Amino acid sequence: MHMDDERATNCDPTDRWSLVVPLKRLAEAKSRLAAAADDSLRPHLALAFAEDTVAAALACPSVRNVAVVTDDPAASFRLAALGARIVPDTPSAGLNAALTHGAEEVRRLCPGAAVAVLNADLPALRPQELARVLAYASGFPRAFLTDRAGVGTTLLSAAAGTELRPGFGGRSRRRHLASGAVEIPLAGVDSVRQDVDTAEDLAAALALEVGPRTAERLAMADRDADGARPAGGVH
C-alpha cells in the first residue's frame, strides 16, 4: 500500500499534475442517494464511484499521481491497489481541511507540484476529458470546474507555488469565484462535471456510461433485488 510517508518519484513540477481526491468513511457516504440505494448498498456504491474515479484519473496522460485523503480502511486498501497514494485525514476537521492537508502532503513529497482536487464521485470520468480540463487549468494560478448543476465544484487546481485555498461544500462555485479562481468554461467535459449525490445524478452518470466497478455493483444490486422478489411477482 502506498502511504503518505513514501518518497515519490518523478517530481518535476512541470511534469503533469498531482491529484488530491477526498473520500469520507464509506458508512457515512452518499446519504442523499437514499431514494436510489438503501443503507447496505450506499457504502458499496461510494467505493465503486471512487474506484472508477481514481482508475480513470490514473489513466489520464496529464496526471502523474493521485493521493486519496481518507480514513476508511476498506477504501484505503482498494484504492491503494489501483495505484493511489493514501493520505490519512489527520486534521479530521472537515472536507476543506482534508484537502489542504492532502495538497500539503503532495507538495512535501513533490515540492512545487501542480495540484488539483478532484471529487471522488465521478463514476463516468473519462481520462481524455480530464486531460482537457487540466490543460485549460494550466494557464491560470487557480482554476475550477463547476458541477453539472452549476452550483458546486468537481475540480479545483493550483499551479506550482500557488496555495490551493479550497472552498468546497454547498454553493462552492460562488466561493471559488469570489476567491479569484478562474472558472473553466469548457464544453464536452460532462464526465468531469457529473458527480453523484442524488438519484437524478446517478441516472445522468449512467447515461454517460459509468465505469466498470460502478456498473458491476449496480448489476449485483439488481440481481439481488430480483432474487428477493417472490416467484411470479411483478418485475
Protein backbone atom coordinates (compact mmCIF):
# COMPACT_ATOMS: atom_id res chain seq x y z
CA MET A 1 0.00 0.00 0.00
CA HIS A 2 1.30 3.46 -0.90
CA MET A 3 1.18 5.57 2.26
CA ASP A 4 1.89 9.24 2.80
CA ASP A 5 5.39 8.74 4.19
CA GLU A 6 6.73 7.17 1.00
CA ARG A 7 9.04 9.30 -1.08
CA ALA A 8 7.56 10.00 -4.51
CA THR A 9 9.49 9.75 -7.74
CA ASN A 10 9.36 11.86 -10.91
CA CYS A 11 8.69 15.11 -9.03
CA ASP A 12 9.43 17.64 -11.75
CA PRO A 13 6.70 20.25 -11.02
CA THR A 14 6.34 20.99 -14.74
CA ASP A 15 5.60 17.35 -15.49
CA ARG A 16 1.87 16.68 -15.19
CA TRP A 17 -0.47 17.03 -12.23
CA SER A 18 -0.84 15.53 -8.78
CA LEU A 19 -4.49 14.95 -7.89
CA VAL A 20 -5.98 15.01 -4.41
CA VAL A 21 -9.18 13.00 -4.01
CA PRO A 22 -11.14 13.24 -0.73
CA LEU A 23 -13.22 10.32 0.48
CA LYS A 24 -15.16 10.19 3.72
CA ARG A 25 -15.73 6.97 5.61
CA LEU A 26 -17.90 4.73 3.45
CA ALA A 27 -20.52 4.18 6.15
CA GLU A 28 -21.19 7.93 6.13
CA ALA A 29 -21.08 8.46 2.38
CA LYS A 30 -23.84 9.23 -0.09
CA SER A 31 -26.75 9.74 2.31
CA ARG A 32 -28.58 11.76 -0.36
CA LEU A 33 -28.73 8.64 -2.55
CA ALA A 34 -31.35 7.13 -0.24
CA ALA A 35 -34.02 7.28 -2.97
CA ALA A 36 -31.88 5.08 -5.23
CA ALA A 37 -29.88 2.92 -2.81
CA ASP A 38 -30.54 1.52 0.65
CA ASP A 39 -28.20 1.67 3.63
CA SER A 40 -26.45 -1.57 2.69
CA LEU A 41 -25.82 -0.54 -0.93
CA ARG A 42 -24.68 3.06 -0.49
CA PRO A 43 -21.24 2.32 1.02
CA HIS A 44 -20.53 -0.15 -1.81
CA LEU A 45 -21.58 2.43 -4.39
CA ALA A 46 -19.44 5.13 -2.78
CA LEU A 47 -16.43 2.83 -3.03
CA ALA A 48 -17.23 1.86 -6.62
CA PHE A 49 -17.56 5.53 -7.58
CA ALA A 50 -14.18 6.26 -6.00
CA GLU A 51 -12.52 3.28 -7.66
CA ASP A 52 -13.78 4.28 -11.12
CA THR A 53 -12.78 7.90 -10.48
CA VAL A 54 -9.25 7.01 -9.35
CA ALA A 55 -8.72 4.45 -12.13
CA ALA A 56 -9.77 6.97 -14.79
CA ALA A 57 -7.63 9.70 -13.24
CA LEU A 58 -4.55 7.47 -13.18
CA ALA A 59 -5.19 6.64 -16.84
CA CYS A 60 -5.18 10.34 -17.75
CA PRO A 61 -1.98 11.34 -19.58
CA SER A 62 -1.89 14.66 -17.69
CA VAL A 63 -1.83 13.03 -14.25
CA ARG A 64 1.37 11.95 -12.51
CA ASN A 65 -0.17 10.56 -9.33
CA VAL A 66 -3.30 10.50 -7.19
CA ALA A 67 -3.43 10.98 -3.41
CA VAL A 68 -6.64 9.87 -1.70
CA VAL A 69 -7.35 11.53 1.64
CA THR A 70 -9.37 9.05 3.67
CA ASP A 71 -9.60 7.28 7.00
CA ASP A 72 -11.64 4.36 5.68
CA PRO A 73 -9.64 1.10 5.88
CA ALA A 74 -11.52 -0.75 3.14
CA ALA A 75 -11.33 2.19 0.75
CA SER A 76 -7.64 2.68 1.55
CA PHE A 77 -6.87 -0.93 0.67
CA ARG A 78 -8.85 -0.96 -2.57
CA LEU A 79 -7.68 2.41 -3.85
CA ALA A 80 -4.05 1.74 -2.99
CA ALA A 81 -4.34 -1.45 -5.04
CA LEU A 82 -5.23 0.73 -8.03
CA GLY A 83 -2.06 2.78 -7.53
CA ALA A 84 -3.27 5.69 -5.41
CA ARG A 85 -1.26 7.07 -2.50
CA ILE A 86 -3.28 7.02 0.74
CA VAL A 87 -3.10 10.10 2.98
CA PRO A 88 -4.81 9.72 6.38
CA ASP A 89 -7.09 12.62 7.27
CA THR A 90 -5.09 13.63 10.32
CA PRO A 91 -6.71 17.09 10.69
CA SER A 92 -10.14 15.41 10.95
CA ALA A 93 -11.66 18.88 10.65
CA GLY A 94 -13.91 18.62 7.62
CA LEU A 95 -13.58 18.48 3.85
CA ASN A 96 -11.58 21.63 3.16
CA ALA A 97 -9.09 20.94 5.94
CA ALA A 98 -8.61 17.45 4.50
CA LEU A 99 -7.99 18.88 1.03
CA THR A 100 -5.48 21.41 2.30
CA HIS A 101 -3.71 18.63 4.19
CA GLY A 102 -3.69 16.42 1.10
CA ALA A 103 -2.18 19.16 -1.04
CA GLU A 104 0.47 19.86 1.60
CA GLU A 105 1.39 16.17 1.74
CA VAL A 106 1.68 16.01 -2.05
CA ARG A 107 4.00 19.02 -2.04
CA ARG A 108 6.01 17.66 0.88
CA LEU A 109 6.95 14.75 -1.35
CA CYS A 110 6.99 16.71 -4.61
CA PRO A 111 7.81 20.33 -3.74
CA GLY A 112 6.27 22.78 -6.18
CA ALA A 113 3.89 20.26 -7.74
CA ALA A 114 0.85 21.48 -9.60
CA VAL A 115 -2.10 20.14 -7.63
CA ALA A 116 -5.76 19.62 -8.45
CA VAL A 117 -8.56 18.44 -6.20
CA LEU A 118 -10.96 16.01 -7.86
CA ASN A 119 -14.23 14.76 -6.41
CA ALA A 120 -14.37 11.04 -5.60
CA ASP A 121 -17.85 10.56 -7.04
CA LEU A 122 -17.26 10.86 -10.79
CA PRO A 123 -18.03 7.28 -11.89
CA ALA A 124 -18.35 8.20 -15.58
CA LEU A 125 -15.00 10.04 -15.65
CA ARG A 126 -13.16 9.91 -19.00
CA PRO A 127 -9.36 10.34 -18.94
CA GLN A 128 -9.25 12.45 -22.11
CA GLU A 129 -11.93 14.83 -20.82
CA LEU A 130 -9.99 15.23 -17.58
CA ALA A 131 -6.87 15.95 -19.65
CA ARG A 132 -8.71 18.78 -21.46
CA VAL A 133 -9.79 20.31 -18.16
CA LEU A 134 -6.28 20.15 -16.73
CA ALA A 135 -4.79 21.61 -19.91
CA TYR A 136 -7.08 24.62 -19.59
CA ALA A 137 -6.37 24.93 -15.87
CA SER A 138 -2.63 25.00 -16.53
CA GLY A 139 -2.96 28.53 -17.91
CA PHE A 140 -4.01 30.01 -14.55
CA PRO A 141 -2.73 30.12 -10.97
CA ARG A 142 -6.05 28.69 -9.73
CA ALA A 143 -9.00 27.38 -11.72
CA PHE A 144 -12.10 25.31 -11.11
CA LEU A 145 -14.77 23.34 -12.92
CA THR A 146 -18.37 23.62 -11.79
CA ASP A 147 -20.63 20.60 -11.49
CA ARG A 148 -23.49 19.77 -13.86
CA ALA A 149 -25.91 21.76 -11.71
CA GLY A 150 -23.72 24.87 -11.94
CA VAL A 151 -23.68 25.23 -8.16
CA GLY A 152 -20.87 23.07 -6.80
CA THR A 153 -17.32 22.25 -7.86
CA THR A 154 -15.85 18.99 -9.13
CA LEU A 155 -12.25 20.14 -9.71
CA LEU A 156 -10.06 22.90 -8.26
CA SER A 157 -6.49 23.42 -9.43
CA ALA A 158 -3.48 25.26 -8.07
CA ALA A 159 -0.37 25.79 -10.18
CA ALA A 160 3.12 25.20 -8.84
CA GLY A 161 3.81 27.61 -5.99
CA THR A 162 0.15 28.56 -5.61
CA GLU A 163 -1.91 27.88 -2.49
CA LEU A 164 -4.94 25.67 -3.13
CA ARG A 165 -7.45 27.53 -0.87
CA PRO A 166 -10.35 25.09 -1.28
CA GLY A 167 -13.91 26.22 -0.57
CA PHE A 168 -15.85 23.03 -1.24
CA GLY A 169 -19.31 22.27 0.12
CA GLY A 170 -22.74 23.55 -0.91
CA ARG A 171 -22.54 26.53 -3.26
CA SER A 172 -18.81 26.22 -3.79
CA ARG A 173 -18.87 27.73 -7.29
CA ARG A 174 -19.68 31.10 -5.76
CA ARG A 175 -16.93 30.80 -3.16
CA HIS A 176 -14.28 29.76 -5.67
CA LEU A 177 -15.19 32.65 -7.96
CA ALA A 178 -15.01 35.06 -5.03
CA SER A 179 -11.58 33.69 -4.09
CA GLY A 180 -10.20 34.64 -7.52
CA ALA A 181 -10.13 31.20 -9.12
CA VAL A 182 -10.92 31.17 -12.84
CA GLU A 183 -13.97 29.18 -13.90
CA ILE A 184 -13.21 26.65 -16.62
CA PRO A 185 -15.77 27.20 -19.42
CA LEU A 186 -15.15 24.06 -21.48
CA ALA A 187 -17.98 22.21 -23.18
CA GLY A 188 -17.82 18.49 -23.83
CA VAL A 189 -16.35 17.54 -20.45
CA ASP A 190 -19.57 16.23 -18.94
CA SER A 191 -17.88 13.24 -17.33
CA VAL A 192 -15.73 15.58 -15.21
CA ARG A 193 -18.77 17.62 -14.17
CA GLN A 194 -21.08 14.71 -13.35
CA ASP A 195 -20.72 14.00 -9.65
CA VAL A 196 -23.29 11.76 -7.98
CA ASP A 197 -25.17 12.87 -4.89
CA THR A 198 -28.79 12.08 -5.78
CA ALA A 199 -30.80 9.52 -7.72
CA GLU A 200 -31.09 12.03 -10.56
CA ASP A 201 -27.31 12.42 -10.62
CA LEU A 202 -26.88 8.66 -10.79
CA ALA A 203 -29.27 8.43 -13.74
CA ALA A 204 -27.29 11.17 -15.52
CA ALA A 205 -24.00 9.37 -14.86
CA LEU A 206 -25.47 6.12 -16.18
CA ALA A 207 -26.50 7.96 -19.35
CA LEU A 208 -22.84 8.96 -19.81
CA GLU A 209 -21.80 5.33 -19.14
CA VAL A 210 -20.25 4.66 -15.77
CA GLY A 211 -17.02 2.78 -15.16
CA PRO A 212 -16.81 -1.00 -14.71
CA ARG A 213 -16.85 -1.10 -10.91
CA THR A 214 -19.96 1.04 -10.60
CA ALA A 215 -21.68 -0.89 -13.37
CA GLU A 216 -20.83 -4.20 -11.67
CA ARG A 217 -22.05 -3.03 -8.27
CA LEU A 218 -25.36 -1.82 -9.72
CA ALA A 219 -25.79 -5.07 -11.64
CA MET A 220 -25.20 -7.04 -8.44
CA ALA A 221 -27.81 -4.94 -6.67
CA ASP A 222 -30.30 -5.61 -9.47
CA ARG A 223 -29.64 -9.37 -9.27
CA ASP A 224 -30.08 -9.32 -5.51
CA ALA A 225 -33.34 -7.41 -5.87
CA ASP A 226 -34.63 -9.90 -8.44
CA GLY A 227 -33.73 -12.79 -6.16
CA ALA A 228 -35.61 -11.21 -3.27
CA ARG A 229 -38.87 -10.90 -5.23
CA PRO A 230 -41.48 -13.62 -4.72
CA ALA A 231 -41.78 -16.15 -7.56
CA GLY A 232 -44.38 -14.95 -10.04
CA GLY A 233 -44.33 -11.46 -8.59
CA VAL A 234 -44.41 -8.26 -10.58
CA HIS A 235 -40.99 -7.41 -12.10
